[in-house]
C-alpha atoms as a PDB file:
ATOM      1  CA  MET A   1     124.604-201.269 135.951  1.00  0.00           C
ATOM      2  CA  GLY A   2     124.129-201.189 131.772  1.00  0.00           C
ATOM      3  CA  LEU A   3     126.574-200.905 128.947  1.00  0.00           C
ATOM      4  CA  PHE A   4     126.595-196.972 129.307  1.00  0.00           C
ATOM      5  CA  THR A   5     128.404-194.530 131.016  1.00  0.00           C
ATOM      6  CA  LYS A   6     129.400-191.293 130.066  1.00  0.00           C
ATOM      7  CA  LYS A   7     132.374-192.207 127.294  1.00  0.00           C
ATOM      8  CA  GLU A   8     131.228-192.515 123.396  1.00  0.00           C
ATOM      9  CA  LEU A   9     130.532-196.563 122.900  1.00  0.00           C
ATOM     10  CA  SER A  10     132.816-198.042 119.869  1.00  0.00           C
ATOM     11  CA  GLU A  11     131.039-199.691 116.839  1.00  0.00           C
ATOM     12  CA  GLU A  12     131.776-203.079 118.423  1.00  0.00           C
ATOM     13  CA  GLU A  13     130.599-202.272 122.112  1.00  0.00           C
ATOM     14  CA  ILE A  14     127.327-201.118 119.771  1.00  0.00           C
ATOM     15  CA  ILE A  15     127.055-204.248 118.078  1.00  0.00           C
ATOM     16  CA  ARG A  16     127.551-206.600 121.384  1.00  0.00           C
ATOM     17  CA  GLY A  17     125.027-204.610 123.110  1.00  0.00           C
ATOM     18  CA  CYS A  18     122.555-205.099 120.165  1.00  0.00           C
ATOM     19  CA  ILE A  19     123.481-208.851 120.312  1.00  0.00           C
ATOM     20  CA  LYS A  20     122.539-208.356 123.952  1.00  0.00           C
ATOM     21  CA  GLU A  21     119.271-206.975 122.951  1.00  0.00           C
ATOM     22  CA  ASP A  22     120.229-203.529 124.719  1.00  0.00           C
ATOM     23  CA  ARG A  23     117.368-201.407 123.613  1.00  0.00           C
ATOM     24  CA  ARG A  24     119.770-198.426 123.791  1.00  0.00           C
ATOM     25  CA  CYS A  25     122.499-199.743 121.721  1.00  0.00           C
ATOM     26  CA  GLN A  26     119.756-201.269 118.731  1.00  0.00           C
ATOM     27  CA  GLU A  27     118.960-197.816 118.840  1.00  0.00           C
ATOM     28  CA  LEU A  28     122.496-196.106 118.097  1.00  0.00           C
ATOM     29  CA  PHE A  29     123.025-199.184 115.489  1.00  0.00           C
ATOM     30  CA  TYR A  30     119.406-198.499 113.461  1.00  0.00           C
ATOM     31  CA  ASN A  31     120.189-194.856 113.650  1.00  0.00           C
ATOM     32  CA  LYS A  32     124.091-194.696 112.505  1.00  0.00           C
ATOM     33  CA  PHE A  33     122.677-197.145 109.212  1.00  0.00           C
ATOM     34  CA  ALA A  34     119.258-196.573 108.397  1.00  0.00           C
ATOM     35  CA  ASN A  35     119.492-193.731 106.132  1.00  0.00           C
ATOM     36  CA  ARG A  36     122.140-195.039 103.782  1.00  0.00           C
ATOM     37  CA  MET A  37     120.369-198.551 104.079  1.00  0.00           C
ATOM     38  CA  TYR A  38     117.194-197.329 102.942  1.00  0.00           C
ATOM     39  CA  GLY A  39     119.054-195.312  99.914  1.00  0.00           C
ATOM     40  CA  VAL A  40     120.353-198.771  98.905  1.00  0.00           C
ATOM     41  CA  CYS A  41     116.836-200.128  99.437  1.00  0.00           C
ATOM     42  CA  LEU A  42     115.295-197.252  97.323  1.00  0.00           C
ATOM     43  CA  ARG A  43     117.843-198.038  93.876  1.00  0.00           C
ATOM     44  CA  TYR A  44     116.248-201.575  93.959  1.00  0.00           C
ATOM     45  CA  CYS A  45     112.657-200.518  94.891  1.00  0.00           C
ATOM     46  CA  LEU A  46     111.477-197.595  93.189  1.00  0.00           C
ATOM     47  CA  ASP A  47     107.957-196.853  95.304  1.00  0.00           C
ATOM     48  CA  ARG A  48     109.186-195.663  98.452  1.00  0.00           C
ATOM     49  CA  ASP A  49     106.235-197.298 100.427  1.00  0.00           C
ATOM     50  CA  VAL A  50     107.977-200.647  99.054  1.00  0.00           C
ATOM     51  CA  ALA A  51     111.432-199.423  99.807  1.00  0.00           C
ATOM     52  CA  HIS A  52     110.293-198.739 103.457  1.00  0.00           C
ATOM     53  CA  ASP A  53     108.748-202.031 103.965  1.00  0.00           C
ATOM     54  CA  VAL A  54     111.964-203.909 102.238  1.00  0.00           C
ATOM     55  CA  HIS A  55     114.274-201.977 104.745  1.00  0.00           C
ATOM     56  CA  GLN A  56     112.496-202.504 108.165  1.00  0.00           C
ATOM     57  CA  GLU A  57     112.393-206.317 107.187  1.00  0.00           C
ATOM     58  CA  ALA A  58     115.804-205.831 106.074  1.00  0.00           C
ATOM     59  CA  PHE A  59     116.584-204.375 109.486  1.00  0.00           C
ATOM     60  CA  ILE A  60     115.033-207.171 111.414  1.00  0.00           C
ATOM     61  CA  THR A  61     117.256-209.802 109.760  1.00  0.00           C
ATOM     62  CA  VAL A  62     120.102-207.722 110.369  1.00  0.00           C
ATOM     63  CA  PHE A  63     118.933-207.782 114.309  1.00  0.00           C
ATOM     64  CA  LYS A  64     118.290-211.491 114.322  1.00  0.00           C
ATOM     65  CA  LYS A  65     121.815-212.391 112.393  1.00  0.00           C
ATOM     66  CA  LEU A  66     123.758-210.100 114.421  1.00  0.00           C
ATOM     67  CA  ALA A  67     125.634-212.311 116.510  1.00  0.00           C
ATOM     68  CA  GLN A  68     126.829-214.342 113.151  1.00  0.00           C
ATOM     69  CA  PHE A  69     128.638-211.280 112.282  1.00  0.00           C
ATOM     70  CA  LYS A  70     132.285-212.140 112.688  1.00  0.00           C
ATOM     71  CA  PHE A  71     134.191-208.641 112.706  1.00  0.00           C
ATOM     72  CA  ASP A  72     136.332-209.388 110.021  1.00  0.00           C
ATOM     73  CA  GLY A  73     135.263-206.749 107.954  1.00  0.00           C
ATOM     74  CA  PRO A  74     132.946-203.234 107.987  1.00  0.00           C
ATOM     75  CA  VAL A  75     129.721-203.937 109.574  1.00  0.00           C
ATOM     76  CA  GLU A  76     128.144-201.241 107.107  1.00  0.00           C
ATOM     77  CA  ALA A  77     129.410-203.717 104.438  1.00  0.00           C
ATOM     78  CA  TRP A  78     127.639-207.092 105.745  1.00  0.00           C
ATOM     79  CA  ILE A  79     124.441-204.728 106.605  1.00  0.00           C
ATOM     80  CA  ARG A  80     124.126-203.744 102.700  1.00  0.00           C
ATOM     81  CA  ARG A  81     124.639-206.851 101.740  1.00  0.00           C
ATOM     82  CA  ILE A  82     121.203-207.801 103.701  1.00  0.00           C
ATOM     83  CA  MET A  83     119.360-204.998 102.196  1.00  0.00           C
ATOM     84  CA  VAL A  84     120.780-205.980  99.040  1.00  0.00           C
ATOM     85  CA  ASN A  85     119.427-209.505  99.189  1.00  0.00           C
ATOM     86  CA  ALA A  86     116.150-208.951 100.468  1.00  0.00           C
ATOM     87  CA  SER A  87     116.108-205.909  97.771  1.00  0.00           C
ATOM     88  CA  LEU A  88     116.733-209.196  95.568  1.00  0.00           C
ATOM     89  CA  TYR A  89     113.937-211.343  97.246  1.00  0.00           C
ATOM     90  CA  TYR A  90     111.502-208.472  96.771  1.00  0.00           C
ATOM     91  CA  LEU A  91     112.079-207.931  93.082  1.00  0.00           C
ATOM     92  CA  ARG A  92     112.046-211.588  92.243  1.00  0.00           C
ATOM     93  CA  HIS A  93     108.853-212.106  93.876  1.00  0.00           C
ATOM     94  CA  LYS A  94     107.420-209.022  92.541  1.00  0.00           C
ATOM     95  CA  THR A  95     107.815-209.891  88.357  1.00  0.00           C
ATOM     96  CA  ASP A  96     109.673-212.114  86.713  1.00  0.00           C
ATOM     97  CA  LEU A  97     112.900-209.925  86.653  1.00  0.00           C
ATOM     98  CA  LEU A  98     114.954-210.903  84.145  1.00  0.00           C
ATOM     99  CA  ARG A  99     113.926-213.250  80.833  1.00  0.00           C
ATOM    100  CA  MET A 100     116.275-211.964  78.348  1.00  0.00           C
ATOM    101  CA  ASP A 101     118.316-214.559  77.403  1.00  0.00           C
ATOM    102  CA  ASP A 102     119.871-213.184  74.435  1.00  0.00           C
ATOM    103  CA  VAL A 103     123.209-211.210  74.837  1.00  0.00           C
ATOM    104  CA  ILE A 104     122.264-207.556  72.744  1.00  0.00           C
ATOM    105  CA  GLU A 105     125.462-205.971  71.746  1.00  0.00           C
ATOM    106  CA  THR A 106     125.487-202.009  71.048  1.00  0.00           C
ATOM    107  CA  GLU A 107     127.926-199.706  70.527  1.00  0.00           C
ATOM    108  CA  GLN A 108     128.639-197.942  72.890  1.00  0.00           C
ATOM    109  CA  GLU A 109     128.677-194.023  72.618  1.00  0.00           C
ATOM    110  CA  LEU A 110     131.124-192.298  75.083  1.00  0.00           C
ATOM    111  CA  ILE A 111     129.878-189.296  77.256  1.00  0.00           C
ATOM    112  CA  PRO A 112     132.156-186.149  77.662  1.00  0.00           C
ATOM    113  CA  ALA A 113     133.527-186.211  80.769  1.00  0.00           C
ATOM    114  CA  ASN A 114     132.562-182.698  81.267  1.00  0.00           C
ATOM    115  CA  VAL A 115     128.956-183.901  80.845  1.00  0.00           C
ATOM    116  CA  LEU A 116     128.669-185.621  84.480  1.00  0.00           C
ATOM    117  CA  ASP A 117     129.955-182.634  86.049  1.00  0.00           C
ATOM    118  CA  ASN A 118     126.697-180.702  85.244  1.00  0.00           C
ATOM    119  CA  LEU A 119     124.440-183.397  87.273  1.00  0.00           C
ATOM    120  CA  ALA A 120     124.239-183.599  90.661  1.00  0.00           C
ATOM    121  CA  ALA A 121     124.099-187.142  92.472  1.00  0.00           C
ATOM    122  CA  GLU A 122     120.452-186.324  92.854  1.00  0.00           C
ATOM    123  CA  ASP A 123     120.041-186.223  89.060  1.00  0.00           C
ATOM    124  CA  ILE A 124     121.725-189.667  88.339  1.00  0.00           C
ATOM    125  CA  LEU A 125     119.923-191.335  91.228  1.00  0.00           C
ATOM    126  CA  LYS A 126     116.751-190.374  89.487  1.00  0.00           C
ATOM    127  CA  LEU A 127     118.369-191.418  86.006  1.00  0.00           C
ATOM    128  CA  ILE A 128     119.146-194.701  87.266  1.00  0.00           C
ATOM    129  CA  GLN A 129     115.751-195.040  88.550  1.00  0.00           C
ATOM    130  CA  GLN A 130     114.140-194.661  85.722  1.00  0.00           C
ATOM    131  CA  LEU A 131     115.726-197.510  84.204  1.00  0.00           C
ATOM    132  CA  PRO A 132     113.664-200.462  83.464  1.00  0.00           C
ATOM    133  CA  ASP A 133     113.574-203.333  86.384  1.00  0.00           C
ATOM    134  CA  GLY A 134     116.222-205.567  85.205  1.00  0.00           C
ATOM    135  CA  CYS A 135     118.778-203.369  83.860  1.00  0.00           C
ATOM    136  CA  ARG A 136     118.238-201.204  86.840  1.00  0.00           C
ATOM    137  CA  THR A 137     119.266-204.161  89.095  1.00  0.00           C
ATOM    138  CA  VAL A 138     122.612-204.977  86.826  1.00  0.00           C
ATOM    139  CA  PHE A 139     123.402-202.024  87.231  1.00  0.00           C
ATOM    140  CA  ASN A 140     123.287-201.660  90.483  1.00  0.00           C
ATOM    141  CA  LEU A 141     124.692-205.004  91.622  1.00  0.00           C
ATOM    142  CA  TYR A 142     127.458-204.339  89.392  1.00  0.00           C
ATOM    143  CA  ALA A 143     128.543-200.608  89.217  1.00  0.00           C
ATOM    144  CA  ILE A 144     127.229-199.463  92.407  1.00  0.00           C
ATOM    145  CA  GLU A 145     127.809-202.695  94.748  1.00  0.00           C
ATOM    146  CA  GLY A 146     130.783-204.038  93.032  1.00  0.00           C
ATOM    147  CA  TYR A 147     129.634-207.719  91.942  1.00  0.00           C
ATOM    148  CA  GLN A 148     130.649-209.729  88.767  1.00  0.00           C
ATOM    149  CA  HIS A 149     128.468-211.171  86.184  1.00  0.00           C
ATOM    150  CA  LYS A 150     129.151-214.596  87.340  1.00  0.00           C
ATOM    151  CA  GLU A 151     127.942-213.390  91.174  1.00  0.00           C
ATOM    152  CA  ILE A 152     125.140-211.448  89.446  1.00  0.00           C
ATOM    153  CA  ALA A 153     123.974-214.535  87.645  1.00  0.00           C
ATOM    154  CA  VAL A 154     123.824-216.804  90.898  1.00  0.00           C
ATOM    155  CA  MET A 155     122.060-213.941  92.666  1.00  0.00           C
ATOM    156  CA  LEU A 156     119.726-213.339  90.054  1.00  0.00           C
ATOM    157  CA  ASN A 157     119.112-217.297  88.711  1.00  0.00           C
ATOM    158  CA  ILE A 158     120.242-215.281  85.085  1.00  0.00           C
ATOM    159  CA  SER A 159     122.778-216.824  82.618  1.00  0.00           C
ATOM    160  CA  VAL A 160     125.559-214.555  82.783  1.00  0.00           C
ATOM    161  CA  GLY A 161     125.050-213.194  79.350  1.00  0.00           C
ATOM    162  CA  THR A 162     121.866-211.605  80.253  1.00  0.00           C
ATOM    163  CA  SER A 163     123.213-210.108  83.321  1.00  0.00           C
ATOM    164  CA  LYS A 164     126.095-208.806  80.493  1.00  0.00           C
ATOM    165  CA  SER A 165     123.047-207.649  78.570  1.00  0.00           C
ATOM    166  CA  GLN A 166     121.351-205.667  80.874  1.00  0.00           C
ATOM    167  CA  LEU A 167     124.315-204.052  81.759  1.00  0.00           C
ATOM    168  CA  SER A 168     125.033-203.248  78.289  1.00  0.00           C
ATOM    169  CA  ARG A 169     121.174-201.850  77.850  1.00  0.00           C
ATOM    170  CA  ALA A 170     121.383-199.943  81.103  1.00  0.00           C
ATOM    171  CA  ARG A 171     124.224-197.854  79.966  1.00  0.00           C
ATOM    172  CA  THR A 172     122.846-197.449  76.572  1.00  0.00           C
ATOM    173  CA  ILE A 173     119.877-195.717  78.460  1.00  0.00           C
ATOM    174  CA  LEU A 174     121.627-193.925  80.893  1.00  0.00           C
ATOM    175  CA  GLN A 175     123.813-192.278  78.401  1.00  0.00           C
ATOM    176  CA  HIS A 176     121.291-191.242  76.269  1.00  0.00           C
ATOM    177  CA  LYS A 177     119.178-190.001  78.862  1.00  0.00           C
ATOM    178  CA  VAL A 178     122.364-188.453  80.603  1.00  0.00           C
ATOM    179  CA  LEU A 179     122.830-186.783  77.394  1.00  0.00           C
ATOM    180  CA  LYS A 180     119.143-185.534  76.962  1.00  0.00           C
ATOM    181  CA  SER A 181     119.005-184.277  80.532  1.00  0.00           C
ATOM    182  CA  THR A 182     122.267-182.098  79.814  1.00  0.00           C
ATOM    183  CA  THR A 183     121.109-180.501  76.909  1.00  0.00           C
ATOM    184  CA  ILE A 184     117.286-179.304  78.456  1.00  0.00           C
ATOM    185  CA  LYS A 185     119.687-177.864  81.237  1.00  0.00           C
ATOM    186  CA  GLU A 186     122.210-175.869  78.692  1.00  0.00           C
ATOM    187  CA  GLU A 187     118.657-174.622  76.650  1.00  0.00           C
ATOM    188  CA  ILE A 188     117.627-173.659  80.134  1.00  0.00           C
ATOM    189  CA  TYR A 189     120.411-171.581  81.250  1.00  0.00           C
ATOM    190  CA  ALA A 190     120.937-170.476  77.625  1.00  0.00           C
ATOM    191  CA  GLY A 191     117.654-168.825  77.457  1.00  0.00           C
ATOM    192  CA  ALA A 192     117.876-167.117  80.954  1.00  0.00           C
END
């Protein structure tokens, strides 16, 4: 008799089924996390085909290493870390990602709080995707994933100063893009 009965399986039961290579559990597990994790890969790898390939390779790693999951935190965070690492691996091998060793200090213009109200999450994601690779990667790791500059420096094999500089540059670029985007929208709505 298999793992499936008429009741819903808990997340832990699905994970344990995956470890036992139960195909139905693997399918349930994949379907539960695939879309969100593809979004993680897409934030780092702009090309949808590349993001898809990184996503698939990372899920293979997830299934291979699932027995190592300790159930001491959310499985989604554990999967996300694998997705981020797979994306970073791709970026490191694709190009000389971050070789800006000088810290560039920039004055931060503050965006009025109501400006962001006019942008949908999808618009903000598109603006982030327009950042140069290094800036986008550090911004994602710091602002979205919650890593500190020391951790980012180790992950990307860069200096802490380079991480801070890339984040500062990303913020400056985003601020200008947000202001430009909202100005264009205001002009469109004003002319309508």
